[in-house]
Amino acid sequence: MFMSNTPVTRALFDDVMVPNYAPAPVIPVRGKGSRIWDQNDKEYIDFAGGIAVTSVGHSHPKLVATLKDQGEKLWHIANVMTNEPALRLAKKLTDATFADKVYFANSGGEANEAAFKLARRYAVDHFGEHKNEIIAFEQAFHGRTLFTVSVGGQPKYSAGFGPALEGITHLPYNDIEALEAAISAKTCAIVMEPLQGEGGIIDADPAFIKRARELCDEHNALLVLDEVQTGAGRLGTLYAYQQTDIMPDILTTAKGIGNGFPVAAMLTTTKVAQSLAIGTHGSTYGGNPLACSIAEAVIDIINTPEVLAGVSAKFDRFKAGLEAINSRVPFCEEIRGKGLLIGCALKEEYKGSAAKFLRAAQARGLLVLIAGPDVIRMAPSLLIPDADIDAGLVILEEAVRNVVDS
């Protein structure tokens, strides 16, 4: 039994939590903007953003006010009724994107689960049971449900859970010839991230994403874009597809849209949406008024010319700073990414050591991420002040020197 005087420490995690995570020794207790403080009041600059989640920073005053206001009104009702925040949020999302219809969920994995089910259901409705194959890409990440890890292109996430779902083909990312050879009358969807996040911060070639759209049209398949990590302004437009010449049939969004509150959405067209008829899919918490009120406030903050242009300017600042560090302490083979989803691909001699750089930075008061063992990843708040970028890069250089010299 938990007693009120039981110390809440990292050791308690090992006693009471399932061991699927290996959290750091420190426990954060509060945050403000792009900084957080741990139980010992040690301060950290946050370049991690909760894995591209805290898009407007910690404890943003507008979100705190929204949480308090809606929290005193209505938290949850069953989906036998709708609610005002959900309808307002859906309208803002459809007004700002290609979409006509919205389905709300709680996480990126759930939004992708809905998207993949919809893609298959649409194909069955219009073309028959044989049209069920999904084309996805190696190193992709789409979530942790059995369906989404089967579509994801990283076998380590599906290993040990029994047979993967059938009808899924994985191809090399950015390989147009492989895509042309694989697609057929049985293909119901091509599923892709506009920029692979977990897979190493790999951007889609414009010709690749354009050809994927053309092939979907030629084969009566749907193009599904997973914008869980690239969306909500992360790359400098509200959604990454808006930097291309194409539009998807289905798009998923989560992470930054809720700034840490669990909320996600699947966006699609009226024609495609008809296949999710009454009773075909659902979510107990999806679209609840508390989550939707917060996501609406996030969209209001992010979807402005000033904030979106600022994302691109901050990328330039990050890139210049990283190049300067690399000129003094060569550790990075390539700086990747767009907007505020940035990757430092490590030089050959440091490959496999991304976690060492992460730990060295954390020890000095900077939070970063990794994207596989070979890439240091950064995904801070879209509102991170320039002063915090500069201060964080000073710490990063200290961490890099520590690893390189060790």
Protein backbone atom coordinates (compact mmCIF):
# COMPACT_ATOMS: atom_id res chain seq x y z
CA MET A 1 0.00 0.00 0.00
CA PHE A 2 1.26 3.47 -0.85
CA MET A 3 1.81 5.57 2.25
CA SER A 4 1.81 9.35 2.13
CA ASN A 5 5.40 9.36 3.38
CA THR A 6 6.66 6.97 0.65
CA PRO A 7 9.45 8.78 -1.26
CA VAL A 8 8.47 9.43 -4.90
CA THR A 9 11.79 8.69 -6.54
CA ARG A 10 13.09 7.03 -9.68
CA ALA A 11 13.50 3.83 -7.64
CA LEU A 12 9.73 3.71 -7.12
CA PHE A 13 9.33 3.34 -10.89
CA ASP A 14 11.14 0.00 -10.78
CA ASP A 15 8.91 -1.16 -7.94
CA VAL A 16 5.50 -0.29 -9.40
CA MET A 17 5.74 0.27 -13.16
CA VAL A 18 5.80 -2.22 -16.03
CA PRO A 19 9.40 -2.21 -17.34
CA ASN A 20 8.64 -1.19 -20.93
CA TYR A 21 10.35 2.17 -20.34
CA ALA A 22 13.76 3.05 -18.93
CA PRO A 23 13.30 6.63 -17.72
CA ALA A 24 16.14 8.92 -16.76
CA PRO A 25 17.19 9.27 -13.11
CA VAL A 26 15.66 12.76 -12.83
CA ILE A 27 11.95 13.43 -12.31
CA PRO A 28 10.68 16.76 -13.69
CA VAL A 29 8.11 18.51 -11.51
CA ARG A 30 7.35 21.80 -13.26
CA GLY A 31 7.90 23.62 -16.53
CA LYS A 32 7.58 27.06 -18.03
CA GLY A 33 8.04 27.85 -21.69
CA SER A 34 11.09 25.93 -22.93
CA ARG A 35 12.51 25.15 -19.49
CA ILE A 36 11.73 22.52 -16.88
CA TRP A 37 12.90 21.86 -13.31
CA ASP A 38 13.39 18.55 -11.54
CA GLN A 39 12.78 17.48 -7.92
CA ASN A 40 16.10 19.04 -6.92
CA ASP A 41 15.21 22.30 -8.68
CA LYS A 42 17.83 21.70 -11.36
CA GLU A 43 16.92 23.60 -14.53
CA TYR A 44 16.91 22.13 -18.04
CA ILE A 45 16.50 23.73 -21.45
CA ASP A 46 14.02 21.63 -23.39
CA PHE A 47 15.02 20.79 -26.98
CA ALA A 48 12.99 17.55 -26.79
CA GLY A 49 9.50 18.96 -26.49
CA GLY A 50 8.14 15.72 -25.05
CA ILE A 51 8.96 14.09 -28.43
CA ALA A 52 7.51 16.91 -30.57
CA VAL A 53 4.50 17.31 -28.29
CA THR A 54 4.84 20.52 -26.27
CA SER A 55 4.40 22.67 -29.35
CA VAL A 56 3.70 25.92 -27.49
CA GLY A 57 5.85 25.16 -24.45
CA HIS A 58 5.17 24.17 -20.87
CA SER A 59 2.34 25.80 -18.90
CA HIS A 60 1.34 28.20 -21.66
CA PRO A 61 -0.97 30.73 -19.97
CA LYS A 62 -3.69 30.46 -22.61
CA LEU A 63 -3.79 26.67 -22.26
CA VAL A 64 -3.80 26.86 -18.46
CA ALA A 65 -6.73 29.27 -18.64
CA THR A 66 -8.53 27.04 -21.15
CA LEU A 67 -8.02 23.98 -18.96
CA LYS A 68 -9.42 25.77 -15.92
CA ASP A 69 -12.36 27.23 -17.80
CA GLN A 70 -13.46 24.02 -19.54
CA GLY A 71 -12.63 21.96 -16.45
CA GLU A 72 -15.32 23.85 -14.56
CA LYS A 73 -17.87 23.22 -17.30
CA LEU A 74 -17.79 19.76 -18.88
CA TRP A 75 -15.07 17.08 -19.13
CA HIS A 76 -16.70 14.14 -20.84
CA ILE A 77 -19.92 12.92 -22.37
CA ALA A 78 -20.58 9.81 -24.41
CA ASN A 79 -20.46 10.03 -28.19
CA VAL A 80 -24.21 9.57 -28.30
CA MET A 81 -24.03 13.38 -28.06
CA THR A 82 -21.67 15.90 -29.57
CA ASN A 83 -20.16 18.93 -27.87
CA GLU A 84 -19.23 22.51 -28.69
CA PRO A 85 -15.41 22.30 -28.36
CA ALA A 86 -15.28 19.26 -30.67
CA LEU A 87 -17.37 20.99 -33.31
CA ARG A 88 -15.34 24.19 -33.13
CA LEU A 89 -12.06 22.27 -33.40
CA ALA A 90 -13.30 20.17 -36.31
CA LYS A 91 -14.41 23.29 -38.16
CA LYS A 92 -11.02 24.95 -37.64
CA LEU A 93 -9.20 21.85 -38.88
CA THR A 94 -11.35 21.48 -41.99
CA ASP A 95 -11.14 25.20 -42.77
CA ALA A 96 -7.34 25.06 -42.57
CA THR A 97 -6.76 21.84 -44.56
CA PHE A 98 -7.88 19.70 -47.50
CA ALA A 99 -10.32 17.83 -45.28
CA ASP A 100 -14.09 17.88 -45.04
CA LYS A 101 -14.53 15.50 -42.11
CA VAL A 102 -12.78 14.78 -38.81
CA TYR A 103 -12.62 11.80 -36.45
CA PHE A 104 -11.21 12.41 -32.97
CA ALA A 105 -9.09 10.00 -30.94
CA ASN A 106 -6.58 10.22 -28.09
CA SER A 107 -3.19 9.40 -29.58
CA GLY A 108 -1.30 9.16 -32.84
CA GLY A 109 -1.50 5.38 -32.76
CA GLU A 110 -5.28 5.52 -32.42
CA ALA A 111 -5.59 8.06 -35.23
CA ASN A 112 -3.48 5.84 -37.47
CA GLU A 113 -5.47 2.75 -36.48
CA ALA A 114 -8.60 4.57 -37.60
CA ALA A 115 -6.94 5.71 -40.83
CA PHE A 116 -5.76 2.22 -41.79
CA LYS A 117 -9.14 0.68 -40.97
CA LEU A 118 -10.86 3.37 -43.02
CA ALA A 119 -8.55 2.82 -45.99
CA ARG A 120 -9.38 -0.89 -46.06
CA ARG A 121 -13.07 -0.34 -45.43
CA TYR A 122 -13.28 2.22 -48.25
CA ALA A 123 -11.58 -0.18 -50.66
CA VAL A 124 -13.90 -3.04 -49.73
CA ASP A 125 -16.96 -0.80 -50.06
CA HIS A 126 -15.98 0.43 -53.52
CA PHE A 127 -13.90 -2.35 -55.08
CA GLY A 128 -14.29 -5.58 -53.12
CA GLU A 129 -12.56 -7.73 -50.51
CA HIS A 130 -9.50 -8.39 -52.69
CA LYS A 131 -8.36 -4.74 -52.47
CA ASN A 132 -6.80 -4.71 -49.02
CA GLU A 133 -3.03 -4.40 -49.41
CA ILE A 134 -1.24 -1.48 -47.76
CA ILE A 135 2.13 -0.21 -48.99
CA ALA A 136 4.28 1.34 -46.27
CA PHE A 137 7.97 2.11 -45.88
CA GLU A 138 11.03 0.81 -44.10
CA GLN A 139 11.99 2.66 -40.91
CA ALA A 140 8.52 4.20 -40.67
CA PHE A 141 6.79 4.54 -37.32
CA HIS A 142 3.01 4.70 -37.04
CA GLY A 143 2.19 3.65 -33.47
CA ARG A 144 2.16 0.71 -31.08
CA THR A 145 -1.12 -1.10 -31.73
CA LEU A 146 -0.82 -4.43 -33.53
CA PHE A 147 -2.11 -2.87 -36.76
CA THR A 148 0.13 0.19 -36.57
CA VAL A 149 3.31 -1.73 -35.71
CA SER A 150 2.53 -4.06 -38.60
CA VAL A 151 2.30 -1.07 -40.96
CA GLY A 152 5.35 0.56 -39.36
CA GLY A 153 8.64 -0.40 -40.97
CA GLN A 154 10.67 -1.23 -37.87
CA PRO A 155 10.47 -4.97 -37.03
CA LYS A 156 11.81 -4.41 -33.50
CA TYR A 157 8.43 -2.97 -32.51
CA SER A 158 6.39 -5.94 -33.76
CA ALA A 159 8.76 -8.77 -32.84
CA GLY A 160 7.47 -11.15 -30.20
CA PHE A 161 3.79 -10.33 -30.54
CA GLY A 162 2.80 -13.14 -32.85
CA PRO A 163 2.06 -12.95 -36.57
CA ALA A 164 1.94 -9.47 -38.07
CA LEU A 165 -1.18 -8.54 -39.96
CA GLU A 166 -1.23 -9.72 -43.54
CA GLY A 167 -1.46 -7.60 -46.66
CA ILE A 168 1.27 -5.08 -45.79
CA THR A 169 4.32 -4.45 -47.99
CA HIS A 170 7.34 -2.44 -46.87
CA LEU A 171 9.49 -0.61 -49.40
CA PRO A 172 12.59 1.60 -49.21
CA TYR A 173 11.62 5.21 -48.51
CA ASN A 174 12.10 7.60 -51.46
CA ASP A 175 12.44 4.70 -53.94
CA ILE A 176 10.10 5.54 -56.81
CA GLU A 177 10.98 2.47 -58.88
CA ALA A 178 10.22 0.11 -56.01
CA LEU A 179 6.90 1.84 -55.43
CA GLU A 180 5.95 1.63 -59.11
CA ALA A 181 6.79 -2.08 -59.13
CA ALA A 182 4.87 -2.89 -55.95
CA ILE A 183 1.55 -1.11 -56.42
CA SER A 184 -1.27 -3.10 -58.01
CA ALA A 185 -5.03 -3.45 -58.26
CA LYS A 186 -4.92 -5.04 -54.79
CA THR A 187 -3.42 -1.93 -53.17
CA CYS A 188 -5.89 -0.02 -51.03
CA ALA A 189 -3.47 2.60 -49.67
CA ILE A 190 0.03 4.02 -49.59
CA VAL A 191 0.91 5.10 -46.06
CA MET A 192 3.80 7.48 -45.47
CA GLU A 193 5.26 10.17 -43.24
CA PRO A 194 6.17 13.35 -45.15
CA LEU A 195 9.35 13.30 -43.09
CA GLN A 196 10.33 10.17 -41.20
CA GLY A 197 10.82 11.10 -37.55
CA GLU A 198 11.65 7.95 -35.60
CA GLY A 199 13.32 6.59 -38.72
CA GLY A 200 16.13 9.16 -38.64
CA ILE A 201 14.69 12.56 -39.73
CA ILE A 202 14.52 11.61 -43.41
CA ASP A 203 12.61 13.97 -45.70
CA ALA A 204 10.48 12.74 -48.59
CA ASP A 205 11.80 13.78 -51.99
CA PRO A 206 9.21 16.00 -53.71
CA ALA A 207 9.23 13.69 -56.74
CA PHE A 208 8.60 10.67 -54.49
CA ILE A 209 5.57 12.07 -52.74
CA LYS A 210 4.21 13.41 -56.04
CA ARG A 211 4.60 10.00 -57.69
CA ALA A 212 2.92 8.32 -54.72
CA ARG A 213 -0.09 10.57 -55.26
CA GLU A 214 -0.17 9.81 -58.98
CA LEU A 215 0.07 6.06 -58.41
CA CYS A 216 -2.76 6.16 -55.89
CA ASP A 217 -4.93 7.91 -58.46
CA GLU A 218 -3.99 5.42 -61.17
CA HIS A 219 -4.76 2.39 -58.97
CA ASN A 220 -7.81 3.65 -57.06
CA ALA A 221 -5.83 3.64 -53.82
CA LEU A 222 -5.81 6.20 -51.01
CA LEU A 223 -2.80 8.26 -49.96
CA VAL A 224 -2.56 8.31 -46.16
CA LEU A 225 -0.17 10.82 -44.60
CA ASP A 226 0.93 10.26 -41.03
CA GLU A 227 1.52 13.80 -39.77
CA VAL A 228 1.53 12.88 -36.10
CA GLN A 229 5.05 14.27 -35.73
CA THR A 230 5.29 16.64 -38.71
CA GLY A 231 1.94 18.36 -38.17
CA ALA A 232 0.65 21.14 -35.94
CA GLY A 233 3.13 23.64 -37.37
CA ARG A 234 6.24 21.55 -36.67
CA LEU A 235 7.76 22.09 -40.16
CA GLY A 236 6.64 25.70 -40.64
CA THR A 237 3.22 25.13 -42.18
CA LEU A 238 0.22 23.83 -40.25
CA TYR A 239 0.73 20.46 -42.00
CA ALA A 240 3.72 19.31 -43.99
CA TYR A 241 1.72 18.33 -47.08
CA GLN A 242 1.04 22.05 -47.53
CA GLN A 243 4.67 22.42 -48.62
CA THR A 244 4.07 19.97 -51.50
CA ASP A 245 2.02 19.95 -54.68
CA ILE A 246 -0.27 17.15 -53.49
CA MET A 247 -3.17 16.57 -51.14
CA PRO A 248 -3.75 13.34 -49.21
CA ASP A 249 -6.99 11.41 -48.90
CA ILE A 250 -6.47 10.82 -45.19
CA LEU A 251 -4.20 12.63 -42.73
CA THR A 252 -3.51 11.88 -39.07
CA THR A 253 -2.48 14.39 -36.43
CA ALA A 254 -1.70 14.19 -32.71
CA LYS A 255 1.35 15.06 -30.55
CA GLY A 256 1.67 18.84 -30.91
CA ILE A 257 -2.03 19.44 -31.43
CA GLY A 258 -2.65 18.87 -27.72
CA ASN A 259 0.62 20.22 -26.25
CA GLY A 260 0.69 17.23 -23.89
CA PHE A 261 -3.03 16.70 -23.38
CA PRO A 262 -4.11 13.43 -25.07
CA VAL A 263 -5.92 14.32 -28.28
CA ALA A 264 -5.61 13.23 -31.91
CA ALA A 265 -7.55 13.46 -35.13
CA MET A 266 -7.96 11.74 -38.46
CA LEU A 267 -8.85 14.10 -41.31
CA THR A 268 -10.39 13.00 -44.58
CA THR A 269 -12.75 13.88 -47.42
CA THR A 270 -16.52 13.52 -47.50
CA LYS A 271 -16.31 10.71 -50.07
CA VAL A 272 -13.87 8.62 -48.05
CA ALA A 273 -15.49 9.38 -44.71
CA GLN A 274 -18.72 7.67 -45.76
CA SER A 275 -17.11 4.28 -45.20
CA LEU A 276 -16.94 4.90 -41.46
CA ALA A 277 -20.69 4.56 -41.12
CA ILE A 278 -22.45 4.40 -37.77
CA GLY A 279 -21.03 1.63 -35.61
CA THR A 280 -17.94 0.85 -37.72
CA HIS A 281 -15.43 2.53 -35.41
CA GLY A 282 -15.32 4.56 -32.22
CA SER A 283 -13.47 5.89 -29.19
CA THR A 284 -14.77 6.33 -25.65
CA TYR A 285 -12.72 9.44 -24.94
CA GLY A 286 -12.15 10.65 -28.49
CA GLY A 287 -13.57 14.12 -29.05
CA ASN A 288 -14.21 14.86 -25.38
CA PRO A 289 -14.78 18.55 -24.65
CA LEU A 290 -11.79 18.98 -22.35
CA ALA A 291 -9.28 17.68 -24.92
CA CYS A 292 -10.88 19.50 -27.82
CA SER A 293 -10.98 22.83 -26.01
CA ILE A 294 -7.24 22.59 -25.40
CA ALA A 295 -6.48 21.51 -28.98
CA GLU A 296 -8.57 24.41 -30.28
CA ALA A 297 -6.49 26.82 -28.20
CA VAL A 298 -3.28 25.22 -29.52
CA ILE A 299 -4.44 25.68 -33.13
CA ASP A 300 -5.35 29.29 -32.41
CA ILE A 301 -1.82 29.94 -31.12
CA ILE A 302 0.07 28.03 -33.82
CA ASN A 303 -1.87 28.73 -36.99
CA THR A 304 -0.75 32.30 -37.47
CA PRO A 305 1.67 33.70 -40.06
CA GLU A 306 3.94 34.99 -37.31
CA VAL A 307 4.36 31.67 -35.49
CA LEU A 308 4.71 29.57 -38.66
CA ALA A 309 7.26 31.96 -40.17
CA GLY A 310 9.07 31.95 -36.84
CA VAL A 311 9.48 28.17 -37.05
CA SER A 312 11.45 28.50 -40.27
CA ALA A 313 13.57 31.31 -38.83
CA LYS A 314 14.35 29.23 -35.74
CA PHE A 315 15.43 26.33 -37.96
CA ASP A 316 17.96 28.63 -39.60
CA ARG A 317 19.25 29.62 -36.16
CA PHE A 318 19.53 26.00 -35.05
CA LYS A 319 21.26 24.95 -38.25
CA ALA A 320 23.81 27.77 -38.11
CA GLY A 321 24.54 26.98 -34.47
CA LEU A 322 24.91 23.26 -35.11
CA GLU A 323 27.20 23.88 -38.09
CA ALA A 324 29.35 26.13 -35.91
CA ILE A 325 29.62 23.44 -33.23
CA ASN A 326 30.44 20.85 -35.87
CA SER A 327 33.20 23.04 -37.31
CA ARG A 328 34.87 23.14 -33.89
CA VAL A 329 34.12 19.59 -32.75
CA PRO A 330 33.31 17.42 -35.77
CA PHE A 331 30.68 14.91 -34.69
CA CYS A 332 27.89 15.28 -37.22
CA GLU A 333 27.88 13.92 -40.76
CA GLU A 334 24.71 15.72 -41.82
CA ILE A 335 22.14 18.12 -40.37
CA ARG A 336 18.68 16.97 -41.40
CA GLY A 337 15.12 18.09 -41.10
CA LYS A 338 12.85 21.07 -41.53
CA GLY A 339 11.36 23.61 -39.18
CA LEU A 340 11.73 22.45 -35.61
CA LEU A 341 12.21 18.76 -36.32
CA ILE A 342 15.98 18.58 -36.61
CA GLY A 343 18.41 15.68 -36.75
CA CYS A 344 22.18 15.47 -36.41
CA ALA A 345 23.28 12.30 -38.20
CA LEU A 346 26.44 11.20 -36.43
CA LYS A 347 29.78 10.67 -38.15
CA GLU A 348 30.81 7.08 -38.80
CA GLU A 349 33.01 6.84 -35.70
CA TYR A 350 30.12 7.86 -33.43
CA LYS A 351 27.34 5.80 -35.00
CA GLY A 352 25.46 3.80 -32.43
CA SER A 353 26.27 6.38 -29.76
CA ALA A 354 23.34 8.80 -30.01
CA ALA A 355 22.19 7.87 -26.49
CA LYS A 356 25.63 8.85 -25.12
CA PHE A 357 25.20 12.36 -26.50
CA LEU A 358 21.66 12.48 -25.05
CA ARG A 359 22.87 11.50 -21.57
CA ALA A 360 25.81 13.91 -21.68
CA ALA A 361 23.48 16.77 -22.63
CA GLN A 362 20.97 15.85 -19.93
CA ALA A 363 23.67 15.79 -17.26
CA ARG A 364 24.53 19.39 -18.19
CA GLY A 365 20.95 20.67 -18.26
CA LEU A 366 19.76 20.13 -21.84
CA LEU A 367 17.08 17.72 -23.03
CA VAL A 368 17.44 16.25 -26.53
CA LEU A 369 16.11 13.13 -28.25
CA ILE A 370 17.44 10.40 -30.49
CA ALA A 371 16.00 9.02 -33.74
CA GLY A 372 17.54 5.59 -33.74
CA PRO A 373 21.10 4.94 -32.54
CA ASP A 374 22.77 7.19 -35.11
CA VAL A 375 20.82 10.46 -34.99
CA ILE A 376 20.43 13.15 -32.31
CA ARG A 377 16.95 14.64 -32.64
CA MET A 378 15.58 18.01 -31.53
CA ALA A 379 11.90 18.98 -31.52
CA PRO A 380 11.43 21.93 -29.16
CA SER A 381 8.48 24.23 -28.66
CA LEU A 382 7.60 26.23 -31.75
CA LEU A 383 7.74 29.28 -29.50
CA ILE A 384 11.22 28.61 -28.06
CA PRO A 385 12.98 31.97 -27.55
CA ASP A 386 16.15 32.61 -29.51
CA ALA A 387 17.98 33.06 -26.21
CA ASP A 388 17.04 29.52 -25.18
CA ILE A 389 18.20 28.16 -28.53
CA ASP A 390 21.56 29.85 -28.11
CA ALA A 391 21.95 28.77 -24.47
CA GLY A 392 20.98 25.20 -25.31
CA LEU A 393 23.51 25.02 -28.12
CA VAL A 394 26.25 26.12 -25.72
CA ILE A 395 25.33 23.18 -23.48
CA LEU A 396 25.14 20.83 -26.46
CA GLU A 397 28.69 21.74 -27.47
CA GLU A 398 29.90 20.93 -23.95
CA ALA A 399 28.13 17.57 -24.16
CA VAL A 400 29.57 16.83 -27.60
CA ARG A 401 33.08 17.61 -26.41
CA ASN A 402 32.59 15.31 -23.44
CA VAL A 403 31.57 12.37 -25.65
CA VAL A 404 34.16 13.04 -28.36
CA ASP A 405 36.98 13.36 -25.84
CA SER A 406 36.00 10.30 -23.81
